[in-house]
N, C-alpha and C. Protein backbone atom coordinates (compact mmCIF):
# COMPACT_ATOMS: atom_id res chain seq x y z
N MET A 1 104.16 109.52 94.87
CA MET A 1 103.94 108.20 94.48
C MET A 1 102.66 107.67 94.97
N PHE A 2 101.86 107.33 94.15
CA PHE A 2 100.51 106.73 94.45
C PHE A 2 100.32 105.32 93.82
N VAL A 3 99.77 105.19 92.54
CA VAL A 3 99.61 103.88 92.10
C VAL A 3 100.96 103.21 91.68
N GLY A 4 101.97 103.88 91.53
CA GLY A 4 103.18 103.29 91.32
C GLY A 4 103.68 102.29 92.24
N HIS A 5 103.21 102.54 93.59
CA HIS A 5 103.49 101.49 94.66
C HIS A 5 103.04 100.11 94.39
N TYR A 6 101.88 100.11 93.61
CA TYR A 6 101.23 98.79 93.30
C TYR A 6 102.07 98.02 92.34
N ALA A 7 103.02 98.73 91.69
CA ALA A 7 103.88 97.94 90.77
C ALA A 7 104.72 96.82 91.57
N ALA A 8 105.18 97.17 92.86
CA ALA A 8 105.79 96.26 93.59
C ALA A 8 104.95 95.09 94.00
N ALA A 9 103.64 95.23 94.15
CA ALA A 9 102.63 94.12 94.36
C ALA A 9 102.74 93.17 93.22
N MET A 10 102.70 93.81 92.02
CA MET A 10 102.67 93.01 90.80
C MET A 10 103.91 92.18 90.48
N ALA A 11 105.05 92.87 90.78
CA ALA A 11 106.29 92.18 90.71
C ALA A 11 106.44 91.02 91.68
N ALA A 12 105.95 91.24 92.93
CA ALA A 12 105.95 90.33 94.02
C ALA A 12 105.01 89.04 93.65
N LYS A 13 103.88 89.48 93.08
CA LYS A 13 102.91 88.31 92.66
C LYS A 13 103.60 87.46 91.54
N ALA A 14 104.30 88.16 90.72
CA ALA A 14 104.99 87.26 89.57
C ALA A 14 106.00 86.40 90.21
N ILE A 15 106.84 86.98 91.28
CA ILE A 15 107.86 86.14 91.91
C ILE A 15 107.27 85.14 92.83
N GLU A 16 106.22 85.32 93.54
CA GLU A 16 105.51 84.33 94.50
C GLU A 16 104.12 84.31 94.35
N PRO A 17 103.65 83.49 93.35
CA PRO A 17 102.19 83.43 93.18
C PRO A 17 101.44 83.04 94.22
N LYS A 18 101.96 82.28 95.33
CA LYS A 18 101.11 81.83 96.42
C LYS A 18 100.73 82.90 97.33
N ALA A 19 101.30 84.11 97.24
CA ALA A 19 100.88 85.23 97.96
C ALA A 19 99.67 85.82 97.48
N PRO A 20 98.60 85.96 98.28
CA PRO A 20 97.33 86.57 97.63
C PRO A 20 97.60 87.95 97.08
N MET A 21 96.87 88.27 96.03
CA MET A 21 97.17 89.55 95.42
C MET A 21 96.60 90.75 96.34
N TRP A 22 95.56 90.47 96.98
CA TRP A 22 94.93 91.59 97.88
C TRP A 22 95.95 91.80 99.05
N THR A 23 96.66 90.73 99.46
CA THR A 23 97.66 90.95 100.51
C THR A 23 98.78 91.78 100.00
N LEU A 24 99.40 91.56 98.80
CA LEU A 24 100.43 92.24 98.29
C LEU A 24 100.03 93.67 98.05
N ALA A 25 98.78 93.88 97.43
CA ALA A 25 98.35 95.29 97.24
C ALA A 25 98.29 95.98 98.46
N ALA A 26 97.77 95.39 99.57
CA ALA A 26 97.70 96.19 100.93
C ALA A 26 99.08 96.20 101.40
N ALA A 27 99.98 95.22 101.11
CA ALA A 27 101.43 95.40 101.68
C ALA A 27 102.22 96.57 100.99
N SER A 28 101.80 96.78 99.73
CA SER A 28 102.56 97.88 98.96
C SER A 28 102.17 99.21 99.46
N GLN A 29 100.98 99.32 100.06
CA GLN A 29 100.48 100.55 100.60
C GLN A 29 100.34 100.61 102.19
N LEU A 30 100.87 99.57 102.79
CA LEU A 30 100.67 99.44 104.27
C LEU A 30 101.25 100.72 104.94
N ILE A 31 102.32 101.14 104.54
CA ILE A 31 102.92 102.40 105.28
C ILE A 31 101.85 103.50 105.20
N ASP A 32 101.26 103.77 103.97
CA ASP A 32 100.37 104.85 103.82
C ASP A 32 98.90 104.51 104.42
N ILE A 33 98.68 103.24 104.59
CA ILE A 33 97.41 102.79 105.32
C ILE A 33 97.45 103.15 106.73
N GLY A 34 98.79 102.84 107.30
CA GLY A 34 99.03 103.31 108.69
C GLY A 34 98.99 104.94 108.82
N TRP A 35 99.49 105.42 107.92
CA TRP A 35 99.66 106.89 107.95
C TRP A 35 98.31 107.53 107.80
N SER A 36 97.35 107.08 106.97
CA SER A 36 96.10 107.57 106.94
C SER A 36 95.35 107.33 108.20
N ALA A 37 95.56 106.20 108.84
CA ALA A 37 94.94 105.87 110.12
C ALA A 37 95.42 106.95 111.17
N PHE A 38 96.75 107.25 111.07
CA PHE A 38 97.36 108.17 112.02
C PHE A 38 97.00 109.63 111.77
N ILE A 39 96.59 109.94 110.60
CA ILE A 39 96.09 111.22 110.25
C ILE A 39 94.79 111.36 110.82
N ILE A 40 93.90 110.36 110.74
CA ILE A 40 92.60 110.43 111.34
C ILE A 40 92.60 110.51 112.84
N THR A 41 93.59 109.78 113.51
CA THR A 41 93.60 109.92 114.98
C THR A 41 94.55 111.09 115.48
N GLY A 42 95.22 111.73 114.69
CA GLY A 42 95.96 112.85 115.09
C GLY A 42 97.36 112.62 115.42
N VAL A 43 97.71 111.32 115.24
CA VAL A 43 99.12 110.81 115.74
C VAL A 43 100.13 111.33 114.73
N GLU A 44 99.88 111.49 113.48
CA GLU A 44 100.76 112.16 112.51
C GLU A 44 100.12 113.29 111.96
N HIS A 45 100.75 114.13 111.16
CA HIS A 45 100.22 115.40 110.61
C HIS A 45 100.76 115.71 109.21
N ALA A 46 99.96 116.27 108.38
CA ALA A 46 100.46 116.85 107.10
C ALA A 46 99.49 117.97 106.72
N ARG A 47 100.05 118.69 105.70
CA ARG A 47 99.17 119.83 105.34
C ARG A 47 99.42 119.87 103.71
N VAL A 48 98.55 120.66 103.05
CA VAL A 48 98.51 120.71 101.59
C VAL A 48 98.87 122.22 101.25
N ASP A 49 99.88 122.27 100.47
CA ASP A 49 100.31 123.50 99.81
C ASP A 49 100.17 123.48 98.25
N PRO A 50 99.20 124.15 97.83
CA PRO A 50 98.94 124.20 96.38
C PRO A 50 99.88 124.79 95.45
N ALA A 51 100.81 125.59 96.20
CA ALA A 51 101.83 126.16 95.36
C ALA A 51 102.96 125.32 94.99
N LEU A 52 103.08 124.10 95.70
CA LEU A 52 104.14 123.22 95.33
C LEU A 52 103.92 122.41 94.03
N PRO A 53 104.99 122.30 93.25
CA PRO A 53 104.86 121.49 92.08
C PRO A 53 104.59 120.01 92.43
N GLY A 54 103.96 119.29 91.40
CA GLY A 54 103.73 117.91 91.70
C GLY A 54 102.86 117.69 92.82
N SER A 55 103.31 116.87 93.67
CA SER A 55 102.47 116.53 94.97
C SER A 55 102.41 117.83 95.76
N THR A 56 101.26 118.16 96.21
CA THR A 56 101.04 119.27 97.15
C THR A 56 101.25 118.99 98.57
N LEU A 57 101.52 117.79 98.85
CA LEU A 57 101.50 117.34 100.25
C LEU A 57 102.78 117.81 101.02
N VAL A 58 102.68 118.44 102.24
CA VAL A 58 103.86 118.79 103.02
C VAL A 58 103.70 117.80 104.19
N LEU A 59 104.68 116.84 104.21
CA LEU A 59 104.57 115.67 105.12
C LEU A 59 105.64 116.02 106.22
N TYR A 60 105.22 116.82 107.07
CA TYR A 60 106.17 117.35 108.17
C TYR A 60 106.15 116.50 109.46
N ASP A 61 105.29 115.50 109.61
CA ASP A 61 105.30 114.76 110.86
C ASP A 61 104.67 113.34 110.64
N MET A 62 105.65 112.42 110.34
CA MET A 62 105.19 111.07 110.13
C MET A 62 106.33 110.09 110.48
N PRO A 63 106.75 110.16 111.78
CA PRO A 63 107.93 109.28 112.34
C PRO A 63 107.47 107.88 112.49
N TRP A 64 106.18 107.68 112.83
CA TRP A 64 105.73 106.29 113.16
C TRP A 64 105.42 105.41 111.97
N THR A 65 105.41 106.11 110.73
CA THR A 65 105.09 105.32 109.53
C THR A 65 106.16 105.44 108.41
N HIS A 66 106.89 106.48 108.39
CA HIS A 66 107.72 106.73 107.30
C HIS A 66 109.29 106.95 107.60
N SER A 67 109.63 106.95 108.96
CA SER A 67 110.96 106.80 109.14
C SER A 67 111.48 105.40 108.88
N LEU A 68 112.87 105.35 108.60
CA LEU A 68 113.35 104.18 108.24
C LEU A 68 113.21 102.99 109.26
N PRO A 69 113.43 103.26 110.46
CA PRO A 69 113.22 102.22 111.56
C PRO A 69 111.81 101.69 111.63
N ALA A 70 110.95 102.73 111.48
CA ALA A 70 109.48 102.37 111.53
C ALA A 70 109.06 101.47 110.49
N VAL A 71 109.50 101.86 109.07
CA VAL A 71 109.22 100.95 108.04
C VAL A 71 109.75 99.57 108.22
N LEU A 72 110.97 99.38 108.78
CA LEU A 72 111.53 98.10 109.07
C LEU A 72 110.52 97.34 110.03
N VAL A 73 110.17 98.00 111.03
CA VAL A 73 109.29 97.39 111.96
C VAL A 73 107.92 96.90 111.24
N TRP A 74 107.26 97.86 110.49
CA TRP A 74 106.17 97.50 109.76
C TRP A 74 106.27 96.33 108.72
N SER A 75 107.58 96.30 108.15
CA SER A 75 107.83 95.16 107.23
C SER A 75 107.81 93.81 107.92
N ILE A 76 108.65 93.91 108.95
CA ILE A 76 108.73 92.55 109.71
C ILE A 76 107.46 92.15 110.38
N ALA A 77 106.73 93.15 110.91
CA ALA A 77 105.49 92.86 111.46
C ALA A 77 104.34 92.22 110.50
N ALA A 78 104.48 92.63 109.17
CA ALA A 78 103.52 92.29 108.13
C ALA A 78 103.93 90.83 107.76
N ALA A 79 105.20 90.64 107.62
CA ALA A 79 105.63 89.12 107.25
C ALA A 79 105.24 88.25 108.37
N LEU A 80 105.43 88.56 109.51
CA LEU A 80 104.97 87.55 110.67
C LEU A 80 103.42 87.43 110.67
N LEU A 81 102.74 88.59 110.51
CA LEU A 81 101.41 88.46 110.58
C LEU A 81 100.69 87.67 109.48
N VAL A 82 101.15 87.71 108.19
CA VAL A 82 100.59 86.95 107.20
C VAL A 82 100.94 85.45 107.34
N LYS A 83 102.22 85.28 108.02
CA LYS A 83 102.65 83.79 108.22
C LYS A 83 101.70 83.25 109.20
N LEU A 84 101.31 83.92 110.31
CA LEU A 84 100.43 83.44 111.29
C LEU A 84 98.95 83.31 110.86
N LEU A 85 98.47 84.38 110.25
CA LEU A 85 97.04 84.36 110.07
C LEU A 85 96.72 83.70 108.64
N LEU A 86 97.50 83.85 107.62
CA LEU A 86 97.24 83.29 106.40
C LEU A 86 97.91 82.05 106.08
N ARG A 87 98.78 81.54 107.08
CA ARG A 87 99.41 80.30 106.98
C ARG A 87 100.42 80.24 105.63
N LEU A 88 100.87 81.37 105.27
CA LEU A 88 101.72 81.33 103.97
C LEU A 88 103.12 80.71 104.35
N PRO A 89 103.73 80.17 103.39
CA PRO A 89 105.08 79.71 103.49
C PRO A 89 105.99 80.83 103.80
N TRP A 90 107.17 80.54 104.44
CA TRP A 90 108.05 81.56 104.91
C TRP A 90 108.55 82.42 103.73
N TRP A 91 108.89 81.90 102.62
CA TRP A 91 109.18 82.63 101.46
C TRP A 91 108.17 83.61 101.03
N ALA A 92 106.90 83.23 100.91
CA ALA A 92 105.87 84.11 100.50
C ALA A 92 105.49 85.23 101.59
N SER A 93 105.74 84.82 102.87
CA SER A 93 105.65 85.78 104.00
C SER A 93 106.74 86.88 103.76
N THR A 94 107.94 86.33 103.41
CA THR A 94 109.11 87.21 103.32
C THR A 94 108.85 88.28 102.17
N VAL A 95 108.22 87.76 100.99
CA VAL A 95 107.92 88.56 99.90
C VAL A 95 106.99 89.64 100.27
N VAL A 96 105.98 89.38 101.15
CA VAL A 96 105.07 90.32 101.57
C VAL A 96 105.83 91.39 102.48
N GLY A 97 106.64 90.93 103.26
CA GLY A 97 107.48 92.03 104.02
C GLY A 97 108.36 92.85 103.08
N LEU A 98 108.84 92.28 102.07
CA LEU A 98 109.74 93.01 101.29
C LEU A 98 108.91 94.03 100.41
N THR A 99 107.71 93.60 100.09
CA THR A 99 106.83 94.49 99.45
C THR A 99 106.38 95.72 100.31
N VAL A 100 106.25 95.51 101.54
CA VAL A 100 106.02 96.59 102.44
C VAL A 100 107.23 97.55 102.46
N PHE A 101 108.45 96.91 102.52
CA PHE A 101 109.56 97.85 102.53
C PHE A 101 109.80 98.58 101.22
N SER A 102 109.37 98.08 100.16
CA SER A 102 109.49 98.62 98.75
C SER A 102 108.87 100.09 98.84
N HIS A 103 107.82 100.21 99.67
CA HIS A 103 107.18 101.55 99.77
C HIS A 103 108.15 102.62 100.05
N TRP A 104 109.02 102.43 101.03
CA TRP A 104 109.98 103.48 101.51
C TRP A 104 111.05 103.72 100.35
N VAL A 105 111.30 102.59 99.73
CA VAL A 105 112.40 102.91 98.65
C VAL A 105 111.80 103.62 97.44
N LEU A 106 110.55 103.37 97.06
CA LEU A 106 109.97 104.14 95.98
C LEU A 106 109.61 105.67 96.58
N ASP A 107 109.32 105.83 97.76
CA ASP A 107 109.11 107.14 98.41
C ASP A 107 110.31 107.96 98.32
N TYR A 108 111.47 107.26 98.53
CA TYR A 108 112.75 107.87 98.59
C TYR A 108 113.03 108.64 97.29
N LEU A 109 112.48 107.90 96.18
CA LEU A 109 112.83 108.51 94.76
C LEU A 109 111.95 109.77 94.51
N VAL A 110 110.72 109.90 95.11
CA VAL A 110 109.81 111.01 94.76
C VAL A 110 109.67 112.04 95.80
N HIS A 111 109.83 111.67 97.21
CA HIS A 111 109.51 112.54 98.19
C HIS A 111 110.53 113.62 98.28
N ARG A 112 110.11 114.80 98.62
CA ARG A 112 111.05 115.86 99.28
C ARG A 112 111.62 115.31 100.49
N PRO A 113 112.75 116.02 100.95
CA PRO A 113 113.48 115.39 102.16
C PRO A 113 112.55 115.45 103.36
N ASP A 114 111.70 114.34 103.56
CA ASP A 114 110.78 114.22 104.68
C ASP A 114 110.80 112.96 105.24
N LEU A 115 111.64 112.00 104.72
CA LEU A 115 111.85 110.58 105.24
C LEU A 115 112.95 110.44 106.20
N GLN A 116 112.57 110.37 107.45
CA GLN A 116 113.54 110.35 108.42
C GLN A 116 114.48 109.06 108.40
N LEU A 117 115.80 109.27 108.56
CA LEU A 117 116.52 108.01 108.66
C LEU A 117 116.39 107.45 110.06
N TRP A 118 116.13 108.23 110.99
CA TRP A 118 115.68 107.68 112.38
C TRP A 118 114.75 108.82 112.91
N PRO A 119 113.84 108.54 113.81
CA PRO A 119 112.96 109.39 114.39
C PRO A 119 113.62 110.69 114.92
N GLY A 120 113.30 111.81 114.34
CA GLY A 120 113.99 113.15 114.90
C GLY A 120 115.34 113.41 114.09
N GLY A 121 115.77 112.44 113.23
CA GLY A 121 117.02 112.55 112.72
C GLY A 121 117.15 113.19 111.32
N GLU A 122 117.99 112.96 110.51
CA GLU A 122 118.20 113.50 109.18
C GLU A 122 117.07 112.94 108.28
N SER A 123 116.53 113.90 107.46
CA SER A 123 115.48 113.51 106.50
C SER A 123 115.99 113.41 105.10
N VAL A 124 115.58 112.50 104.34
CA VAL A 124 116.12 112.18 103.00
C VAL A 124 114.87 112.14 101.88
N GLY A 125 115.27 112.23 100.68
CA GLY A 125 114.31 112.18 99.62
C GLY A 125 114.78 112.81 98.40
N LEU A 126 114.71 112.26 97.25
CA LEU A 126 115.31 112.77 95.97
C LEU A 126 114.39 113.82 95.34
N ALA A 127 113.25 114.03 95.76
CA ALA A 127 112.43 115.16 95.37
C ALA A 127 111.96 115.09 93.91
N LEU A 128 111.78 113.96 93.46
CA LEU A 128 111.27 113.90 92.03
C LEU A 128 109.87 114.48 91.82
N TRP A 129 109.18 114.71 92.98
CA TRP A 129 107.83 115.39 92.98
C TRP A 129 108.03 116.76 92.47
N ASN A 130 109.25 117.34 92.60
CA ASN A 130 109.34 118.74 92.17
C ASN A 130 109.40 118.79 90.55
N TYR A 131 109.46 117.63 89.93
CA TYR A 131 109.59 117.53 88.40
C TYR A 131 108.36 116.56 88.01
N PRO A 132 107.09 117.20 87.93
CA PRO A 132 105.94 116.38 87.76
C PRO A 132 105.97 115.42 86.47
N VAL A 133 106.43 115.88 85.36
CA VAL A 133 106.39 115.07 84.25
C VAL A 133 107.44 113.83 84.30
N PRO A 134 108.61 114.03 84.70
CA PRO A 134 109.49 112.82 84.93
C PRO A 134 109.01 111.95 86.08
N GLU A 135 108.42 112.60 87.11
CA GLU A 135 107.87 111.72 88.23
C GLU A 135 106.62 110.72 87.63
N GLN A 136 105.82 111.39 86.94
CA GLN A 136 104.66 110.57 86.44
C GLN A 136 105.19 109.54 85.41
N ALA A 137 106.34 109.89 84.72
CA ALA A 137 106.91 108.93 83.71
C ALA A 137 107.49 107.70 84.39
N VAL A 138 108.14 107.93 85.57
CA VAL A 138 108.69 106.91 86.47
C VAL A 138 107.48 105.99 87.06
N GLU A 139 106.51 106.65 87.48
CA GLU A 139 105.39 106.01 88.11
C GLU A 139 104.72 105.12 87.19
N MET A 140 104.37 105.66 86.04
CA MET A 140 103.63 104.89 85.02
C MET A 140 104.55 103.82 84.45
N GLY A 141 105.80 104.05 84.33
CA GLY A 141 106.72 103.21 83.75
C GLY A 141 106.82 101.89 84.45
N LEU A 142 107.00 102.22 85.87
CA LEU A 142 107.04 100.99 86.89
C LEU A 142 105.81 100.13 86.78
N LEU A 143 104.59 100.94 86.72
CA LEU A 143 103.28 100.06 86.58
C LEU A 143 103.29 99.35 85.41
N ALA A 144 103.79 100.00 84.22
CA ALA A 144 103.71 99.17 82.91
C ALA A 144 104.65 98.09 82.95
N VAL A 145 105.95 98.15 83.45
CA VAL A 145 106.93 97.11 83.39
C VAL A 145 106.53 95.94 84.33
N CYS A 146 106.20 96.27 85.50
CA CYS A 146 105.89 95.31 86.50
C CYS A 146 104.45 94.62 86.18
N GLY A 147 103.60 95.52 85.59
CA GLY A 147 102.44 94.83 85.13
C GLY A 147 102.58 93.94 83.94
N ALA A 148 103.40 94.18 83.03
CA ALA A 148 103.67 93.26 82.04
C ALA A 148 104.21 91.95 82.55
N VAL A 149 105.17 92.06 83.45
CA VAL A 149 105.73 90.86 84.13
C VAL A 149 104.62 90.05 84.85
N TRP A 150 103.83 90.67 85.55
CA TRP A 150 102.68 90.08 86.21
C TRP A 150 101.69 89.25 85.25
N VAL A 151 101.44 89.99 84.19
CA VAL A 151 100.60 89.33 83.06
C VAL A 151 101.23 88.14 82.45
N ALA A 152 102.53 88.35 82.22
CA ALA A 152 103.34 87.16 81.66
C ALA A 152 103.29 86.07 82.49
N SER A 153 103.45 86.27 83.80
CA SER A 153 103.51 85.18 84.76
C SER A 153 102.22 84.43 84.93
N ARG A 154 101.10 85.13 84.69
CA ARG A 154 99.76 84.60 84.69
C ARG A 154 99.51 83.70 83.54
N LYS A 155 99.88 84.21 82.41
CA LYS A 155 99.93 83.37 81.26
C LYS A 155 100.68 82.03 81.36
N ALA A 156 101.89 82.18 81.94
CA ALA A 156 102.77 81.06 82.11
C ALA A 156 102.10 79.97 83.06
N LEU A 157 101.14 80.45 83.96
CA LEU A 157 100.60 79.52 84.78
C LEU A 157 99.13 79.09 84.27
N GLY A 158 98.83 79.52 83.11
CA GLY A 158 97.67 79.12 82.41
C GLY A 158 96.40 79.87 82.88
N ARG A 159 96.64 81.00 83.49
CA ARG A 159 95.72 81.94 83.95
C ARG A 159 95.19 82.99 82.88
N PHE A 160 94.11 83.50 83.04
CA PHE A 160 93.55 84.56 82.10
C PHE A 160 94.43 85.85 82.34
N ALA A 161 94.73 86.49 81.40
CA ALA A 161 95.43 87.81 81.56
C ALA A 161 94.49 88.95 81.78
N TRP A 162 93.26 88.90 81.48
CA TRP A 162 92.32 90.22 81.53
C TRP A 162 92.12 90.62 82.87
N PRO A 163 92.04 89.75 83.81
CA PRO A 163 91.87 90.44 85.28
C PRO A 163 92.98 91.17 85.63
N ALA A 164 94.25 90.86 85.32
CA ALA A 164 95.33 91.81 85.72
C ALA A 164 95.36 93.02 84.86
N ILE A 165 95.13 92.89 83.58
CA ILE A 165 95.03 94.04 82.72
C ILE A 165 93.93 94.94 83.17
N GLY A 166 92.68 94.46 83.54
CA GLY A 166 91.70 95.33 84.10
C GLY A 166 92.13 96.04 85.25
N PHE A 167 92.81 95.28 86.23
CA PHE A 167 93.23 96.06 87.38
C PHE A 167 94.41 96.97 87.06
N ILE A 168 95.21 96.83 86.28
CA ILE A 168 96.22 97.90 85.79
C ILE A 168 95.44 99.09 85.31
N ALA A 169 94.42 98.82 84.38
CA ALA A 169 93.68 99.92 83.77
C ALA A 169 93.05 100.68 84.89
N PHE A 170 92.30 100.04 85.87
CA PHE A 170 91.66 100.72 86.94
C PHE A 170 92.68 101.58 87.81
N LEU A 171 93.90 101.21 88.00
CA LEU A 171 94.83 102.00 88.67
C LEU A 171 95.27 103.20 87.83
N VAL A 172 95.44 103.03 86.54
CA VAL A 172 95.62 104.23 85.69
C VAL A 172 94.55 105.26 85.82
N VAL A 173 93.20 104.88 85.73
CA VAL A 173 92.18 105.76 85.91
C VAL A 173 92.16 106.45 87.32
N LEU A 174 92.44 105.61 88.34
CA LEU A 174 92.41 106.22 89.62
C LEU A 174 93.59 107.26 89.84
N GLN A 175 94.80 107.03 89.13
CA GLN A 175 95.73 108.02 89.05
C GLN A 175 95.34 109.24 88.46
N ILE A 176 94.70 109.27 87.37
CA ILE A 176 94.28 110.38 86.61
C ILE A 176 93.21 111.09 87.56
N VAL A 177 92.21 110.42 88.12
CA VAL A 177 91.24 111.02 89.07
C VAL A 177 91.94 111.73 90.14
N ALA A 178 93.02 111.26 90.74
CA ALA A 178 93.70 111.67 91.76
C ALA A 178 94.41 113.08 91.45
N MET A 179 95.05 113.03 90.18
CA MET A 179 95.69 114.18 89.73
C MET A 179 94.68 115.38 89.38
N LEU A 180 93.40 115.03 89.02
CA LEU A 180 92.38 116.04 88.75
C LEU A 180 91.56 116.42 89.94
N SER A 181 91.90 115.97 91.09
CA SER A 181 91.14 116.24 92.34
C SER A 181 92.08 116.83 93.33
N PRO A 182 92.52 118.13 93.11
CA PRO A 182 93.35 118.70 94.14
C PRO A 182 92.78 118.85 95.52
N GLN A 183 93.66 118.80 96.55
CA GLN A 183 93.25 118.96 97.94
C GLN A 183 93.23 120.47 98.15
N PRO A 184 92.18 120.97 99.05
CA PRO A 184 92.28 122.37 99.40
C PRO A 184 93.50 122.68 100.31
N ALA A 185 93.91 123.89 100.26
CA ALA A 185 95.02 124.21 101.06
C ALA A 185 94.79 124.12 102.64
N GLY A 186 95.82 123.81 103.37
CA GLY A 186 95.61 123.73 104.86
C GLY A 186 96.00 122.39 105.40
N GLU A 187 95.70 122.20 106.67
CA GLU A 187 96.09 121.07 107.36
C GLU A 187 95.15 119.92 106.85
N LEU A 188 95.83 118.67 106.70
CA LEU A 188 95.17 117.48 106.24
C LEU A 188 94.33 116.94 107.43
N GLY A 189 92.96 117.09 107.36
CA GLY A 189 92.12 116.61 108.44
C GLY A 189 91.73 115.18 108.45
N PRO A 190 90.96 114.78 109.48
CA PRO A 190 90.60 113.35 109.57
C PRO A 190 89.77 112.91 108.39
N GLU A 191 88.92 113.83 107.87
CA GLU A 191 88.08 113.47 106.70
C GLU A 191 88.88 112.89 105.47
N SER A 192 90.03 113.61 105.23
CA SER A 192 91.01 113.19 104.07
C SER A 192 91.48 111.91 104.44
N GLY A 193 92.03 111.74 105.71
CA GLY A 193 92.44 110.45 106.11
C GLY A 193 91.50 109.24 105.91
N VAL A 194 90.15 109.48 106.16
CA VAL A 194 89.16 108.47 105.92
C VAL A 194 89.05 108.23 104.47
N THR A 195 89.01 109.27 103.74
CA THR A 195 88.97 108.99 102.15
C THR A 195 90.06 108.27 101.73
N ILE A 196 91.32 108.56 102.07
CA ILE A 196 92.55 107.79 101.59
C ILE A 196 92.41 106.46 102.09
N LEU A 197 92.05 106.13 103.37
CA LEU A 197 92.01 104.78 103.90
C LEU A 197 90.89 103.93 103.08
N VAL A 198 89.84 104.45 102.75
CA VAL A 198 88.72 103.84 101.97
C VAL A 198 89.28 103.45 100.65
N ILE A 199 90.09 104.33 99.95
CA ILE A 199 90.61 104.08 98.71
C ILE A 199 91.44 102.91 98.76
N TYR A 200 92.34 102.75 99.62
CA TYR A 200 93.33 101.77 99.79
C TYR A 200 92.52 100.41 100.05
N VAL A 201 91.50 100.41 100.89
CA VAL A 201 90.65 99.21 101.21
C VAL A 201 89.96 98.75 99.81
N VAL A 202 89.38 99.69 99.08
CA VAL A 202 88.75 99.22 97.83
C VAL A 202 89.69 98.79 96.80
N VAL A 203 90.84 99.36 96.70
CA VAL A 203 91.91 98.71 95.77
C VAL A 203 92.25 97.36 96.15
N ALA A 204 92.54 97.23 97.43
CA ALA A 204 92.91 95.79 97.83
C ALA A 204 91.81 94.77 97.46
N ALA A 205 90.59 95.23 97.80
CA ALA A 205 89.32 94.35 97.44
C ALA A 205 89.32 94.02 95.92
N ILE A 206 89.54 95.05 95.14
CA ILE A 206 89.53 94.78 93.63
C ILE A 206 90.67 93.84 93.29
N ALA A 207 91.77 94.06 94.02
CA ALA A 207 93.00 93.23 93.72
C ALA A 207 92.57 91.83 94.01
N ALA A 208 91.81 91.49 95.08
CA ALA A 208 91.52 90.11 95.41
C ALA A 208 90.81 89.37 94.15
N LEU A 209 89.92 90.28 93.38
CA LEU A 209 89.25 89.61 92.46
C LEU A 209 90.15 89.06 91.25
N THR A 210 91.39 89.58 91.21
CA THR A 210 92.27 88.96 90.12
C THR A 210 92.75 87.54 90.48
N ASP A 211 92.49 87.14 91.76
CA ASP A 211 93.04 85.81 92.24
C ASP A 211 91.88 84.82 92.07
N LEU A 212 90.68 85.24 91.65
CA LEU A 212 89.49 84.18 91.54
C LEU A 212 89.88 83.21 90.54
N ARG A 213 89.53 82.06 90.70
CA ARG A 213 89.92 80.89 89.93
C ARG A 213 89.51 80.91 88.52
N GLY A 214 90.20 80.54 87.55
CA GLY A 214 89.84 80.64 86.22
C GLY A 214 91.01 80.41 85.40
N LYS A 215 91.04 79.45 84.58
CA LYS A 215 92.28 79.11 83.71
C LYS A 215 91.77 79.17 82.25
N ARG A 216 92.82 79.37 81.39
CA ARG A 216 92.46 79.38 80.03
C ARG A 216 92.37 77.98 79.50
N LYS A 217 91.55 77.80 78.59
CA LYS A 217 91.33 76.37 77.98
C LYS A 217 92.39 76.32 76.84
N GLU A 218 93.14 75.19 76.89
CA GLU A 218 94.15 75.12 75.76
C GLU A 218 93.57 74.60 74.52
N ALA A 219 93.99 75.22 73.42
CA ALA A 219 93.51 74.72 72.16
C ALA A 219 93.83 73.39 71.74
N SER A 220 92.79 72.65 71.23
CA SER A 220 93.06 71.24 70.98
C SER A 220 93.63 71.15 69.47
């Protein structure tokens, strides 16, 4: 699951327009943002196996970002942080926290059993990655449905639809590029972690552009 996670950000934005889109985009990938930082620093580890169908990642060590208790901590911390730093209302902050937690739920659908229910405990995952076509259908379907809801909510608020449509199109292109850019076999090194982290920052920055002021003029 890559750009499909941003579907949660779009749904959250439709539910709570007061939450900045860049915040929701970052929240939807916060678990992987932390993971990429931990790959860089050597706290967590992963490797690439090109023989695997779908995603070639072997995520064998990520208890601090992808175990269920860790995700709960990340979610609560994110909600409190945006409340304190961005002065968001409690409901908007809660939506941000739920968006963070959505990452684990969506990962559960696609990951092979590598999501620990507790650190060192049983690992779960429905392994949709092993079926690349259905997995991509689910991912793109989520993006399409939640994107349509987001666009409709913008129109209801008198906002232009094209920034949202442009962002969705950008994500589709990004997904295609990711699919056509396989990682070399072996341990995932710090360089890969940096690349992944930069991508998430760039996407969040582009998401921020969708919140720039601008309303449609009503026809007279």
